[in-house]
């Protein structure tokens, strides 16, 4: 039992080191972008993309990074199962929403006018 908790501690310690390296790489990318601000924008963007790719690669090697990657893959699978509305359904729904907005706008305008008339007649 003690050996399993020690193994978990080492794994968490390595994960902590990997996250520290990831954060350091991102900070290095930000600093490098500032330091080389006179260089070509294209070269700075390519450098930032490279540093970000390495940082993400390291982050994905951690427990939490692997869990996030799994979540993203499952979310992509769920999106593929969604039944998207057809063009006609979208158009009909949009027309209904616009009609209801106009009806409620008219009702609110009538209430506002009635209350305005009432207040002006009371005040004077």
PDB file of N, CA and C in Angstrom:
ATOM      1  N   UNK A   1       0.827  -1.188   0.000  1.00  0.00           N
ATOM      2  CA  UNK A   1       0.000   0.000   0.000  1.00  0.00           C
ATOM      3  C   UNK A   1       0.871   1.251   0.000  1.00  0.00           C
ATOM      4  N   UNK A   2       1.936   1.214   0.792  1.00  0.00           N
ATOM      5  CA  UNK A   2       2.819   2.375   0.861  1.00  0.00           C
ATOM      6  C   UNK A   2       3.524   2.586  -0.467  1.00  0.00           C
ATOM      7  N   UNK A   3       3.844   1.503  -1.174  1.00  0.00           N
ATOM      8  CA  UNK A   3       4.520   1.625  -2.461  1.00  0.00           C
ATOM      9  C   UNK A   3       3.639   2.297  -3.508  1.00  0.00           C
ATOM     10  N   UNK A   4       2.319   2.009  -3.468  1.00  0.00           N
ATOM     11  CA  UNK A   4       1.431   2.610  -4.461  1.00  0.00           C
ATOM     12  C   UNK A   4       1.281   4.103  -4.225  1.00  0.00           C
ATOM     13  N   UNK A   5       1.241   4.536  -2.976  1.00  0.00           N
ATOM     14  CA  UNK A   5       1.115   5.971  -2.728  1.00  0.00           C
ATOM     15  C   UNK A   5       2.405   6.690  -3.082  1.00  0.00           C
ATOM     16  N   UNK A   6       3.562   6.005  -2.907  1.00  0.00           N
ATOM     17  CA  UNK A   6       4.834   6.619  -3.283  1.00  0.00           C
ATOM     18  C   UNK A   6       4.894   6.776  -4.804  1.00  0.00           C
ATOM     19  N   UNK A   7       4.387   5.785  -5.531  1.00  0.00           N
ATOM     20  CA  UNK A   7       4.365   5.891  -6.989  1.00  0.00           C
ATOM     21  C   UNK A   7       3.474   7.031  -7.459  1.00  0.00           C
ATOM     22  N   UNK A   8       2.347   7.215  -6.760  1.00  0.00           N
ATOM     23  CA  UNK A   8       1.452   8.313  -7.121  1.00  0.00           C
ATOM     24  C   UNK A   8       2.133   9.648  -6.850  1.00  0.00           C
ATOM     25  N   UNK A   9       2.918   9.719  -5.769  1.00  0.00           N
ATOM     26  CA  UNK A   9       3.605  10.961  -5.447  1.00  0.00           C
ATOM     27  C   UNK A   9       4.646  11.285  -6.515  1.00  0.00           C
ATOM     28  N   UNK A  10       5.374  10.273  -6.966  1.00  0.00           N
ATOM     29  CA  UNK A  10       6.381  10.497  -8.003  1.00  0.00           C
ATOM     30  C   UNK A  10       5.707  10.953  -9.288  1.00  0.00           C
ATOM     31  N   UNK A  11       4.599  10.302  -9.666  1.00  0.00           N
ATOM     32  CA  UNK A  11       3.874  10.708 -10.867  1.00  0.00           C
ATOM     33  C   UNK A  11       3.399  12.146 -10.766  1.00  0.00           C
ATOM     34  N   UNK A  12       2.841  12.508  -9.606  1.00  0.00           N
ATOM     35  CA  UNK A  12       2.387  13.876  -9.425  1.00  0.00           C
ATOM     36  C   UNK A  12       3.565  14.837  -9.434  1.00  0.00           C
ATOM     37  N   UNK A  13       4.705  14.414  -8.879  1.00  0.00           N
ATOM     38  CA  UNK A  13       5.892  15.262  -8.891  1.00  0.00           C
ATOM     39  C   UNK A  13       6.379  15.500 -10.301  1.00  0.00           C
ATOM     40  N   UNK A  14       6.370  14.443 -11.121  1.00  0.00           N
ATOM     41  CA  UNK A  14       6.776  14.602 -12.513  1.00  0.00           C
ATOM     42  C   UNK A  14       5.764  15.452 -13.281  1.00  0.00           C
ATOM     43  N   UNK A  15       4.488  15.264 -12.993  1.00  0.00           N
ATOM     44  CA  UNK A  15       3.479  16.101 -13.631  1.00  0.00           C
ATOM     45  C   UNK A  15       3.705  17.564 -13.269  1.00  0.00           C
ATOM     46  N   UNK A  16       4.025  17.812 -12.015  1.00  0.00           N
ATOM     47  CA  UNK A  16       4.271  19.182 -11.578  1.00  0.00           C
ATOM     48  C   UNK A  16       5.446  19.772 -12.345  1.00  0.00           C
ATOM     49  N   UNK A  17       6.498  18.980 -12.555  1.00  0.00           N
ATOM     50  CA  UNK A  17       7.668  19.438 -13.296  1.00  0.00           C
ATOM     51  C   UNK A  17       7.312  19.700 -14.760  1.00  0.00           C
ATOM     52  N   UNK A  18       6.502  18.827 -15.328  1.00  0.00           N
ATOM     53  CA  UNK A  18       6.077  19.015 -16.721  1.00  0.00           C
ATOM     54  C   UNK A  18       5.250  20.295 -16.867  1.00  0.00           C
ATOM     55  N   UNK A  19       4.353  20.555 -15.911  1.00  0.00           N
ATOM     56  CA  UNK A  19       3.562  21.794 -15.968  1.00  0.00           C
ATOM     57  C   UNK A  19       4.461  23.009 -15.792  1.00  0.00           C
ATOM     58  N   UNK A  20       5.468  22.909 -14.946  1.00  0.00           N
ATOM     59  CA  UNK A  20       6.414  24.006 -14.748  1.00  0.00           C
ATOM     60  C   UNK A  20       7.175  24.283 -16.045  1.00  0.00           C
ATOM     61  N   UNK A  21       7.607  23.225 -16.719  1.00  0.00           N
ATOM     62  CA  UNK A  21       8.297  23.397 -18.006  1.00  0.00           C
ATOM     63  C   UNK A  21       7.355  24.012 -19.036  1.00  0.00           C
ATOM     64  N   UNK A  22       6.103  23.579 -19.049  1.00  0.00           N
ATOM     65  CA  UNK A  22       5.116  24.127 -19.987  1.00  0.00           C
ATOM     66  C   UNK A  22       4.922  25.625 -19.761  1.00  0.00           C
ATOM     67  N   UNK A  23       4.770  26.019 -18.500  1.00  0.00           N
ATOM     68  CA  UNK A  23       4.587  27.434 -18.174  1.00  0.00           C
ATOM     69  C   UNK A  23       5.835  28.232 -18.534  1.00  0.00           C
ATOM     70  N   UNK A  24       7.006  27.649 -18.256  1.00  0.00           N
ATOM     71  CA  UNK A  24       8.257  28.332 -18.588  1.00  0.00           C
ATOM     72  C   UNK A  24       8.386  28.522 -20.096  1.00  0.00           C
ATOM     73  N   UNK A  25       8.011  27.514 -20.872  1.00  0.00           N
ATOM     74  CA  UNK A  25       8.069  27.644 -22.331  1.00  0.00           C
ATOM     75  C   UNK A  25       7.130  28.742 -22.828  1.00  0.00           C
ATOM     76  N   UNK A  26       5.922  28.790 -22.270  1.00  0.00           N
ATOM     77  CA  UNK A  26       4.979  29.835 -22.687  1.00  0.00           C
ATOM     78  C   UNK A  26       5.513  31.224 -22.313  1.00  0.00           C
ATOM     79  N   UNK A  27       6.091  31.346 -21.122  1.00  0.00           N
ATOM     80  CA  UNK A  27       6.674  32.628 -20.712  1.00  0.00           C
ATOM     81  C   UNK A  27       7.845  32.986 -21.620  1.00  0.00           C
ATOM     82  N   UNK A  28       8.658  31.994 -21.975  1.00  0.00           N
ATOM     83  CA  UNK A  28       9.767  32.221 -22.890  1.00  0.00           C
ATOM     84  C   UNK A  28       9.253  32.688 -24.253  1.00  0.00           C
ATOM     85  N   UNK A  29       8.155  32.107 -24.710  1.00  0.00           N
ATOM     86  CA  UNK A  29       7.571  32.530 -25.985  1.00  0.00           C
ATOM     87  C   UNK A  29       7.103  33.972 -25.944  1.00  0.00           C
ATOM     88  N   UNK A  30       6.449  34.354 -24.855  1.00  0.00           N
ATOM     89  CA  UNK A  30       5.981  35.738 -24.720  1.00  0.00           C
ATOM     90  C   UNK A  30       7.171  36.689 -24.657  1.00  0.00           C
ATOM     91  N   UNK A  31       8.186  36.330 -23.850  1.00  0.00           N
ATOM     92  CA  UNK A  31       9.370  37.177 -23.738  1.00  0.00           C
ATOM     93  C   UNK A  31      10.091  37.272 -25.081  1.00  0.00           C
ATOM     94  N   UNK A  32      10.250  36.123 -25.761  1.00  0.00           N
ATOM     95  CA  UNK A  32      10.915  36.126 -27.062  1.00  0.00           C
ATOM     96  C   UNK A  32      10.170  36.961 -28.082  1.00  0.00           C
ATOM     97  N   UNK A  33       8.858  36.924 -28.065  1.00  0.00           N
ATOM     98  CA  UNK A  33       8.058  37.743 -28.979  1.00  0.00           C
ATOM     99  C   UNK A  33       8.296  39.226 -28.710  1.00  0.00           C
ATOM    100  N   UNK A  34       8.391  39.595 -27.440  1.00  0.00           N
ATOM    101  CA  UNK A  34       8.663  40.990 -27.090  1.00  0.00           C
ATOM    102  C   UNK A  34      10.098  41.371 -27.452  1.00  0.00           C
ATOM    103  N   UNK A  35      11.048  40.496 -27.129  1.00  0.00           N
ATOM    104  CA  UNK A  35      12.465  40.792 -27.334  1.00  0.00           C
ATOM    105  C   UNK A  35      12.779  40.943 -28.818  1.00  0.00           C
ATOM    106  N   UNK A  36      12.176  40.130 -29.643  1.00  0.00           N
ATOM    107  CA  UNK A  36      12.422  40.178 -31.082  1.00  0.00           C
ATOM    108  C   UNK A  36      11.319  40.935 -31.825  1.00  0.00           C
ATOM    109  N   UNK A  37      10.781  41.966 -31.210  1.00  0.00           N
ATOM    110  CA  UNK A  37       9.663  42.688 -31.820  1.00  0.00           C
ATOM    111  C   UNK A  37      10.040  43.402 -33.113  1.00  0.00           C
ATOM    112  N   UNK A  38      11.336  43.642 -33.340  1.00  0.00           N
ATOM    113  CA  UNK A  38      11.761  44.288 -34.585  1.00  0.00           C
ATOM    114  C   UNK A  38      11.904  43.297 -35.736  1.00  0.00           C
ATOM    115  N   UNK A  39      11.843  42.021 -35.437  1.00  0.00           N
ATOM    116  CA  UNK A  39      11.947  40.992 -36.479  1.00  0.00           C
ATOM    117  C   UNK A  39      10.605  40.870 -37.210  1.00  0.00           C
ATOM    118  N   UNK A  40      10.628  40.103 -38.280  1.00  0.00           N
ATOM    119  CA  UNK A  40       9.432  39.891 -39.090  1.00  0.00           C
ATOM    120  C   UNK A  40       8.313  39.246 -38.261  1.00  0.00           C
ATOM    121  N   UNK A  41       7.108  39.720 -38.456  1.00  0.00           N
ATOM    122  CA  UNK A  41       5.951  39.163 -37.747  1.00  0.00           C
ATOM    123  C   UNK A  41       5.779  37.684 -38.076  1.00  0.00           C
ATOM    124  N   UNK A  42       6.002  37.326 -39.331  1.00  0.00           N
ATOM    125  CA  UNK A  42       5.863  35.936 -39.747  1.00  0.00           C
ATOM    126  C   UNK A  42       6.823  35.038 -38.969  1.00  0.00           C
ATOM    127  N   UNK A  43       8.065  35.474 -38.808  1.00  0.00           N
ATOM    128  CA  UNK A  43       9.051  34.667 -38.079  1.00  0.00           C
ATOM    129  C   UNK A  43       8.669  34.543 -36.610  1.00  0.00           C
ATOM    130  N   UNK A  44       8.166  35.623 -36.017  1.00  0.00           N
ATOM    131  CA  UNK A  44       7.749  35.565 -34.611  1.00  0.00           C
ATOM    132  C   UNK A  44       6.559  34.637 -34.428  1.00  0.00           C
ATOM    133  N   UNK A  45       5.614  34.681 -35.344  1.00  0.00           N
ATOM    134  CA  UNK A  45       4.434  33.807 -35.255  1.00  0.00           C
ATOM    135  C   UNK A  45       4.847  32.349 -35.410  1.00  0.00           C
ATOM    136  N   UNK A  46       5.743  32.063 -36.357  1.00  0.00           N
ATOM    137  CA  UNK A  46       6.222  30.688 -36.534  1.00  0.00           C
ATOM    138  C   UNK A  46       6.927  30.216 -35.268  1.00  0.00           C
ATOM    139  N   UNK A  47       7.747  31.084 -34.672  1.00  0.00           N
ATOM    140  CA  UNK A  47       8.423  30.737 -33.427  1.00  0.00           C
ATOM    141  C   UNK A  47       7.445  30.473 -32.295  1.00  0.00           C
ATOM    142  N   UNK A  48       6.424  31.326 -32.177  1.00  0.00           N
ATOM    143  CA  UNK A  48       5.423  31.143 -31.120  1.00  0.00           C
ATOM    144  C   UNK A  48       4.633  29.855 -31.320  1.00  0.00           C
ATOM    145  N   UNK A  49       4.296  29.552 -32.558  1.00  0.00           N
ATOM    146  CA  UNK A  49       3.565  28.315 -32.832  1.00  0.00           C
ATOM    147  C   UNK A  49       4.424  27.109 -32.474  1.00  0.00           C
ATOM    148  N   UNK A  50       5.715  27.173 -32.785  1.00  0.00           N
ATOM    149  CA  UNK A  50       6.621  26.084 -32.439  1.00  0.00           C
ATOM    150  C   UNK A  50       6.742  25.894 -30.933  1.00  0.00           C
ATOM    151  N   UNK A  51       6.926  26.996 -30.209  1.00  0.00           N
ATOM    152  CA  UNK A  51       7.041  26.921 -28.749  1.00  0.00           C
ATOM    153  C   UNK A  51       5.728  26.414 -28.153  1.00  0.00           C
ATOM    154  N   UNK A  52       4.596  26.891 -28.657  1.00  0.00           N
ATOM    155  CA  UNK A  52       3.295  26.452 -28.146  1.00  0.00           C
ATOM    156  C   UNK A  52       3.082  24.967 -28.426  1.00  0.00           C
ATOM    157  N   UNK A  53       3.513  24.487 -29.593  1.00  0.00           N
ATOM    158  CA  UNK A  53       3.351  23.070 -29.917  1.00  0.00           C
ATOM    159  C   UNK A  53       4.166  22.200 -28.957  1.00  0.00           C
ATOM    160  N   UNK A  54       5.386  22.619 -28.676  1.00  0.00           N
ATOM    161  CA  UNK A  54       6.213  21.858 -27.736  1.00  0.00           C
ATOM    162  C   UNK A  54       5.584  21.891 -26.344  1.00  0.00           C
ATOM    163  N   UNK A  55       5.100  23.078 -25.921  1.00  0.00           N
ATOM    164  CA  UNK A  55       4.485  23.202 -24.595  1.00  0.00           C
ATOM    165  C   UNK A  55       3.233  22.333 -24.493  1.00  0.00           C
ATOM    166  N   UNK A  56       2.404  22.331 -25.520  1.00  0.00           N
ATOM    167  CA  UNK A  56       1.196  21.499 -25.506  1.00  0.00           C
ATOM    168  C   UNK A  56       1.580  20.025 -25.505  1.00  0.00           C
ATOM    169  N   UNK A  57       2.608  19.669 -26.269  1.00  0.00           N
ATOM    170  CA  UNK A  57       3.070  18.284 -26.284  1.00  0.00           C
ATOM    171  C   UNK A  57       3.517  17.821 -24.904  1.00  0.00           C
ATOM    172  N   UNK A  58       4.214  18.685 -24.194  1.00  0.00           N
ATOM    173  CA  UNK A  58       4.646  18.337 -22.835  1.00  0.00           C
ATOM    174  C   UNK A  58       3.440  18.268 -21.907  1.00  0.00           C
ATOM    175  N   UNK A  59       2.525  19.221 -22.026  1.00  0.00           N
ATOM    176  CA  UNK A  59       1.344  19.243 -21.160  1.00  0.00           C
ATOM    177  C   UNK A  59       0.481  17.999 -21.366  1.00  0.00           C
ATOM    178  N   UNK A  60       0.426  17.500 -22.599  1.00  0.00           N
ATOM    179  CA  UNK A  60      -0.386  16.310 -22.878  1.00  0.00           C
ATOM    180  C   UNK A  60       0.215  15.050 -22.263  1.00  0.00           C
ATOM    181  N   UNK A  61       1.465  15.105 -21.844  1.00  0.00           N
ATOM    182  CA  UNK A  61       2.107  13.952 -21.219  1.00  0.00           C
ATOM    183  C   UNK A  61       1.754  13.826 -19.741  1.00  0.00           C
ATOM    184  N   UNK A  62       1.036  14.825 -19.187  1.00  0.00           N
ATOM    185  CA  UNK A  62       0.636  14.774 -17.782  1.00  0.00           C
ATOM    186  C   UNK A  62      -0.713  14.058 -17.660  1.00  0.00           C
ATOM    187  N   UNK A  63      -1.076  13.707 -16.430  1.00  0.00           N
ATOM    188  CA  UNK A  63      -2.373  13.059 -16.201  1.00  0.00           C
ATOM    189  C   UNK A  63      -3.520  13.971 -16.609  1.00  0.00           C
ATOM    190  N   UNK A  64      -3.459  15.219 -16.167  1.00  0.00           N
ATOM    191  CA  UNK A  64      -4.533  16.162 -16.478  1.00  0.00           C
ATOM    192  C   UNK A  64      -4.580  16.463 -17.970  1.00  0.00           C
ATOM    193  N   UNK A  65      -3.423  16.591 -18.606  1.00  0.00           N
ATOM    194  CA  UNK A  65      -3.381  16.831 -20.046  1.00  0.00           C
ATOM    195  C   UNK A  65      -3.997  15.681 -20.821  1.00  0.00           C
ATOM    196  N   UNK A  66      -3.698  14.448 -20.398  1.00  0.00           N
ATOM    197  CA  UNK A  66      -4.283  13.272 -21.059  1.00  0.00           C
ATOM    198  C   UNK A  66      -5.800  13.245 -20.860  1.00  0.00           C
ATOM    199  N   UNK A  67      -6.246  13.644 -19.669  1.00  0.00           N
ATOM    200  CA  UNK A  67      -7.691  13.675 -19.406  1.00  0.00           C
ATOM    201  C   UNK A  67      -8.368  14.729 -20.270  1.00  0.00           C
ATOM    202  N   UNK A  68      -7.730  15.870 -20.441  1.00  0.00           N
ATOM    203  CA  UNK A  68      -8.300  16.930 -21.288  1.00  0.00           C
ATOM    204  C   UNK A  68      -8.358  16.465 -22.736  1.00  0.00           C
ATOM    205  N   UNK A  69      -7.313  15.775 -23.196  1.00  0.00           N
ATOM    206  CA  UNK A  69      -7.289  15.267 -24.571  1.00  0.00           C
ATOM    207  C   UNK A  69      -8.416  14.256 -24.788  1.00  0.00           C
ATOM    208  N   UNK A  70      -8.614  13.376 -23.804  1.00  0.00           N
ATOM    209  CA  UNK A  70      -9.699  12.395 -23.886  1.00  0.00           C
ATOM    210  C   UNK A  70     -11.052  13.100 -23.935  1.00  0.00           C
ATOM    211  N   UNK A  71     -11.227  14.121 -23.103  1.00  0.00           N
ATOM    212  CA  UNK A  71     -12.471  14.884 -23.099  1.00  0.00           C
ATOM    213  C   UNK A  71     -12.720  15.532 -24.455  1.00  0.00           C
ATOM    214  N   UNK A  72     -11.683  16.109 -25.058  1.00  0.00           N
ATOM    215  CA  UNK A  72     -11.839  16.743 -26.369  1.00  0.00           C
ATOM    216  C   UNK A  72     -12.223  15.729 -27.446  1.00  0.00           C
ATOM    217  N   UNK A  73     -11.613  14.532 -27.405  1.00  0.00           N
ATOM    218  CA  UNK A  73     -11.970  13.499 -28.382  1.00  0.00           C
ATOM    219  C   UNK A  73     -13.420  13.049 -28.201  1.00  0.00           C
ATOM    220  N   UNK A  74     -13.851  12.901 -26.932  1.00  0.00           N
ATOM    221  CA  UNK A  74     -15.240  12.491 -26.693  1.00  0.00           C
ATOM    222  C   UNK A  74     -16.217  13.582 -27.111  1.00  0.00           C
ATOM    223  N   UNK A  75     -15.845  14.842 -26.873  1.00  0.00           N
ATOM    224  CA  UNK A  75     -16.717  15.949 -27.279  1.00  0.00           C
ATOM    225  C   UNK A  75     -16.857  15.987 -28.796  1.00  0.00           C
ATOM    226  N   UNK A  76     -15.766  15.720 -29.506  1.00  0.00           N
ATOM    227  CA  UNK A  76     -15.824  15.702 -30.967  1.00  0.00           C
ATOM    228  C   UNK A  76     -16.770  14.594 -31.444  1.00  0.00           C
ATOM    229  N   UNK A  77     -16.715  13.444 -30.785  1.00  0.00           N
ATOM    230  CA  UNK A  77     -17.622  12.352 -31.128  1.00  0.00           C
ATOM    231  C   UNK A  77     -19.073  12.714 -30.880  1.00  0.00           C
ATOM    232  N   UNK A  78     -19.328  13.438 -29.787  1.00  0.00           N
ATOM    233  CA  UNK A  78     -20.701  13.864 -29.491  1.00  0.00           C
ATOM    234  C   UNK A  78     -21.198  14.869 -30.531  1.00  0.00           C
ATOM    235  N   UNK A  79     -20.324  15.757 -30.968  1.00  0.00           N
ATOM    236  CA  UNK A  79     -20.725  16.741 -31.982  1.00  0.00           C
ATOM    237  C   UNK A  79     -21.107  16.042 -33.277  1.00  0.00           C
ATOM    238  N   UNK A  80     -20.408  14.966 -33.596  1.00  0.00           N
ATOM    239  CA  UNK A  80     -20.739  14.227 -34.819  1.00  0.00           C
ATOM    240  C   UNK A  80     -22.110  13.577 -34.732  1.00  0.00           C
ATOM    241  N   UNK A  81     -22.585  13.287 -33.516  1.00  0.00           N
ATOM    242  CA  UNK A  81     -23.886  12.632 -33.350  1.00  0.00           C
ATOM    243  C   UNK A  81     -25.049  13.616 -33.305  1.00  0.00           C
ATOM    244  N   UNK A  82     -24.752  14.904 -33.266  1.00  0.00           N
ATOM    245  CA  UNK A  82     -25.816  15.906 -33.194  1.00  0.00           C
ATOM    246  C   UNK A  82     -26.580  15.929 -34.510  1.00  0.00           C
ATOM    247  N   UNK A  83     -27.898  16.019 -34.416  1.00  0.00           N
ATOM    248  CA  UNK A  83     -28.727  16.148 -35.607  1.00  0.00           C
ATOM    249  C   UNK A  83     -28.961  17.636 -35.835  1.00  0.00           C
ATOM    250  N   UNK A  84     -28.329  18.155 -36.864  1.00  0.00           N
ATOM    251  CA  UNK A  84     -28.430  19.579 -37.139  1.00  0.00           C
ATOM    252  C   UNK A  84     -29.711  19.865 -37.916  1.00  0.00           C
ATOM    253  N   UNK A  85     -30.328  21.034 -37.677  1.00  0.00           N
ATOM    254  CA  UNK A  85     -31.570  21.360 -38.396  1.00  0.00           C
ATOM    255  C   UNK A  85     -31.294  21.614 -39.877  1.00  0.00           C
ATOM    256  N   UNK A  86     -32.336  21.354 -40.674  1.00  0.00           N
ATOM    257  CA  UNK A  86     -32.210  21.627 -42.107  1.00  0.00           C
ATOM    258  C   UNK A  86     -32.347  23.127 -42.347  1.00  0.00           C
ATOM    259  N   UNK A  87     -32.094  23.524 -43.570  1.00  0.00           N
ATOM    260  CA  UNK A  87     -32.200  24.947 -43.924  1.00  0.00           C
ATOM    261  C   UNK A  87     -33.640  25.436 -43.715  1.00  0.00           C
ATOM    262  N   UNK A  88     -34.626  24.623 -44.104  1.00  0.00           N
ATOM    263  CA  UNK A  88     -36.030  25.024 -43.948  1.00  0.00           C
ATOM    264  C   UNK A  88     -36.406  25.159 -42.467  1.00  0.00           C
ATOM    265  N   UNK A  89     -35.951  24.214 -41.638  1.00  0.00           N
ATOM    266  CA  UNK A  89     -36.251  24.301 -40.200  1.00  0.00           C
ATOM    267  C   UNK A  89     -35.628  25.550 -39.586  1.00  0.00           C
ATOM    268  N   UNK A  90     -34.405  25.854 -39.993  1.00  0.00           N
ATOM    269  CA  UNK A  90     -33.739  27.050 -39.482  1.00  0.00           C
ATOM    270  C   UNK A  90     -34.477  28.311 -39.918  1.00  0.00           C
ATOM    271  N   UNK A  91     -34.891  28.361 -41.160  1.00  0.00           N
ATOM    272  CA  UNK A  91     -35.617  29.523 -41.675  1.00  0.00           C
ATOM    273  C   UNK A  91     -36.959  29.682 -40.956  1.00  0.00           C
ATOM    274  N   UNK A  92     -37.701  28.602 -40.768  1.00  0.00           N
ATOM    275  CA  UNK A  92     -38.989  28.677 -40.080  1.00  0.00           C
ATOM    276  C   UNK A  92     -38.825  29.142 -38.639  1.00  0.00           C
ATOM    277  N   UNK A  93     -37.831  28.607 -37.952  1.00  0.00           N
ATOM    278  CA  UNK A  93     -37.591  29.006 -36.566  1.00  0.00           C
ATOM    279  C   UNK A  93     -37.208  30.481 -36.483  1.00  0.00           C
ATOM    280  N   UNK A  94     -36.378  30.927 -37.410  1.00  0.00           N
ATOM    281  CA  UNK A  94     -35.972  32.337 -37.426  1.00  0.00           C
ATOM    282  C   UNK A  94     -37.169  33.247 -37.652  1.00  0.00           C
ATOM    283  N   UNK A  95     -38.046  32.882 -38.575  1.00  0.00           N
ATOM    284  CA  UNK A  95     -39.238  33.700 -38.850  1.00  0.00           C
ATOM    285  C   UNK A  95     -40.137  33.753 -37.620  1.00  0.00           C
ATOM    286  N   UNK A  96     -40.311  32.632 -36.926  1.00  0.00           N
ATOM    287  CA  UNK A  96     -41.141  32.601 -35.722  1.00  0.00           C
ATOM    288  C   UNK A  96     -40.552  33.501 -34.647  1.00  0.00           C
ATOM    289  N   UNK A  97     -39.230  33.429 -34.459  1.00  0.00           N
ATOM    290  CA  UNK A  97     -38.580  34.266 -33.449  1.00  0.00           C
ATOM    291  C   UNK A  97     -38.738  35.732 -33.792  1.00  0.00           C
ATOM    292  N   UNK A  98     -38.521  36.103 -35.042  1.00  0.00           N
ATOM    293  CA  UNK A  98     -38.672  37.511 -35.441  1.00  0.00           C
ATOM    294  C   UNK A  98     -40.109  37.991 -35.267  1.00  0.00           C
ATOM    295  N   UNK A  99     -41.077  37.157 -35.598  1.00  0.00           N
ATOM    296  CA  UNK A  99     -42.483  37.541 -35.429  1.00  0.00           C
ATOM    297  C   UNK A  99     -42.801  37.766 -33.952  1.00  0.00           C
ATOM    298  N   UNK A 100     -42.336  36.868 -33.083  1.00  0.00           N
ATOM    299  CA  UNK A 100     -42.588  37.032 -31.652  1.00  0.00           C
ATOM    300  C   UNK A 100     -41.899  38.276 -31.101  1.00  0.00           C
ATOM    301  N   UNK A 101     -40.700  38.567 -31.576  1.00  0.00           N
ATOM    302  CA  UNK A 101     -40.008  39.780 -31.139  1.00  0.00           C
ATOM    303  C   UNK A 101     -40.813  41.011 -31.537  1.00  0.00           C
ATOM    304  N   UNK A 102     -41.335  41.028 -32.752  1.00  0.00           N
ATOM    305  CA  UNK A 102     -42.145  42.168 -33.199  1.00  0.00           C
ATOM    306  C   UNK A 102     -43.430  42.297 -32.384  1.00  0.00           C
ATOM    307  N   UNK A 103     -44.085  41.172 -32.090  1.00  0.00           N
ATOM    308  CA  UNK A 103     -45.318  41.210 -31.297  1.00  0.00           C
ATOM    309  C   UNK A 103     -45.037  41.756 -29.904  1.00  0.00           C
ATOM    310  N   UNK A 104     -43.994  41.259 -29.251  1.00  0.00           N
ATOM    311  CA  UNK A 104     -43.683  41.741 -27.911  1.00  0.00           C
ATOM    312  C   UNK A 104     -43.212  43.193 -27.919  1.00  0.00           C
ATOM    313  N   UNK A 105     -42.501  43.597 -28.969  1.00  0.00           N
ATOM    314  CA  UNK A 105     -42.098  45.001 -29.088  1.00  0.00           C
ATOM    315  C   UNK A 105     -43.326  45.891 -29.211  1.00  0.00           C
ATOM    316  N   UNK A 106     -44.315  45.463 -29.988  1.00  0.00           N
ATOM    317  CA  UNK A 106     -45.556  46.229 -30.127  1.00  0.00           C
ATOM    318  C   UNK A 106     -46.296  46.312 -28.795  1.00  0.00           C
ATOM    319  N   UNK A 107     -46.373  45.198 -28.071  1.00  0.00           N
ATOM    320  CA  UNK A 107     -47.044  45.196 -26.767  1.00  0.00           C
ATOM    321  C   UNK A 107     -46.341  46.146 -25.804  1.00  0.00           C
ATOM    322  N   UNK A 108     -45.019  46.074 -25.745  1.00  0.00           N
ATOM    323  CA  UNK A 108     -44.270  46.967 -24.848  1.00  0.00           C
ATOM    324  C   UNK A 108     -44.427  48.433 -25.257  1.00  0.00           C
ATOM    325  N   UNK A 109     -44.461  48.709 -26.562  1.00  0.00           N
ATOM    326  CA  UNK A 109     -44.652  50.085 -27.022  1.00  0.00           C
ATOM    327  C   UNK A 109     -46.042  50.597 -26.603  1.00  0.00           C
ATOM    328  N   UNK A 110     -47.064  49.738 -26.755  1.00  0.00           N
ATOM    329  CA  UNK A 110     -48.406  50.134 -26.349  1.00  0.00           C
ATOM    330  C   UNK A 110     -48.487  50.372 -24.842  1.00  0.00           C
ATOM    331  N   UNK A 111     -47.873  49.495 -24.043  1.00  0.00           N
ATOM    332  CA  UNK A 111     -47.858  49.702 -22.592  1.00  0.00           C
ATOM    333  C   UNK A 111     -47.117  50.985 -22.220  1.00  0.00           C
ATOM    334  N   UNK A 112     -45.992  51.231 -22.879  1.00  0.00           N
ATOM    335  CA  UNK A 112     -45.223  52.438 -22.610  1.00  0.00           C
ATOM    336  C   UNK A 112     -46.036  53.681 -22.962  1.00  0.00           C
ATOM    337  N   UNK A 113     -46.719  53.644 -24.096  1.00  0.00           N
ATOM    338  CA  UNK A 113     -47.536  54.791 -24.501  1.00  0.00           C
ATOM    339  C   UNK A 113     -48.686  55.017 -23.527  1.00  0.00           C
ATOM    340  N   UNK A 114     -49.354  53.933 -23.107  1.00  0.00           N
ATOM    341  CA  UNK A 114     -50.466  54.059 -22.172  1.00  0.00           C
ATOM    342  C   UNK A 114     -49.990  54.599 -20.830  1.00  0.00           C
ATOM    343  N   UNK A 115     -48.881  54.069 -20.317  1.00  0.00           N
ATOM    344  CA  UNK A 115     -48.359  54.566 -19.042  1.00  0.00           C
ATOM    345  C   UNK A 115     -47.890  56.010 -19.161  1.00  0.00           C
ATOM    346  N   UNK A 116     -47.303  56.364 -20.276  1.00  0.00           N
ATOM    347  CA  UNK A 116     -46.864  57.744 -20.493  1.00  0.00           C
ATOM    348  C   UNK A 116     -48.067  58.686 -20.525  1.00  0.00           C
ATOM    349  N   UNK A 117     -49.114  58.266 -21.231  1.00  0.00           N
ATOM    350  CA  UNK A 117     -50.318  59.094 -21.281  1.00  0.00           C
ATOM    351  C   UNK A 117     -50.924  59.232 -19.884  1.00  0.00           C
ATOM    352  N   UNK A 118     -50.979  58.137 -19.129  1.00  0.00           N
ATOM    353  CA  UNK A 118     -51.551  58.154 -17.784  1.00  0.00           C
ATOM    354  C   UNK A 118     -50.750  59.083 -16.856  1.00  0.00           C
ATOM    355  N   UNK A 119     -49.426  58.944 -16.887  1.00  0.00           N
ATOM    356  CA  UNK A 119     -48.597  59.783 -16.021  1.00  0.00           C
ATOM    357  C   UNK A 119     -48.727  61.244 -16.402  1.00  0.00           C
ATOM    358  N   UNK A 120     -48.746  61.573 -17.718  1.00  0.00           N
ATOM    359  CA  UNK A 120     -48.891  62.977 -18.106  1.00  0.00           C
ATOM    360  C   UNK A 120     -50.251  63.552 -17.744  1.00  0.00           C
ATOM    361  N   UNK A 121     -51.285  62.723 -17.777  1.00  0.00           N
ATOM    362  CA  UNK A 121     -52.594  63.235 -17.390  1.00  0.00           C
ATOM    363  C   UNK A 121     -52.680  63.444 -15.884  1.00  0.00           C
ATOM    364  N   UNK A 122     -52.005  62.619 -15.106  1.00  0.00           N
ATOM    365  CA  UNK A 122     -52.021  62.786 -13.631  1.00  0.00           C
ATOM    366  C   UNK A 122     -51.171  63.985 -13.225  1.00  0.00           C
ATOM    367  N   UNK A 123     -49.991  64.114 -13.810  1.00  0.00           N
ATOM    368  CA  UNK A 123     -49.078  65.197 -13.436  1.00  0.00           C
ATOM    369  C   UNK A 123     -49.575  66.533 -14.014  1.00  0.00           C
ATOM    370  N   UNK A 124     -50.033  66.472 -15.190  1.00  0.00           N
ATOM    371  CA  UNK A 124     -50.563  67.684 -15.613  1.00  0.00           C
ATOM    372  C   UNK A 124     -50.527  68.327 -16.854  1.00  0.00           C
TER     373      UNK A 124
END
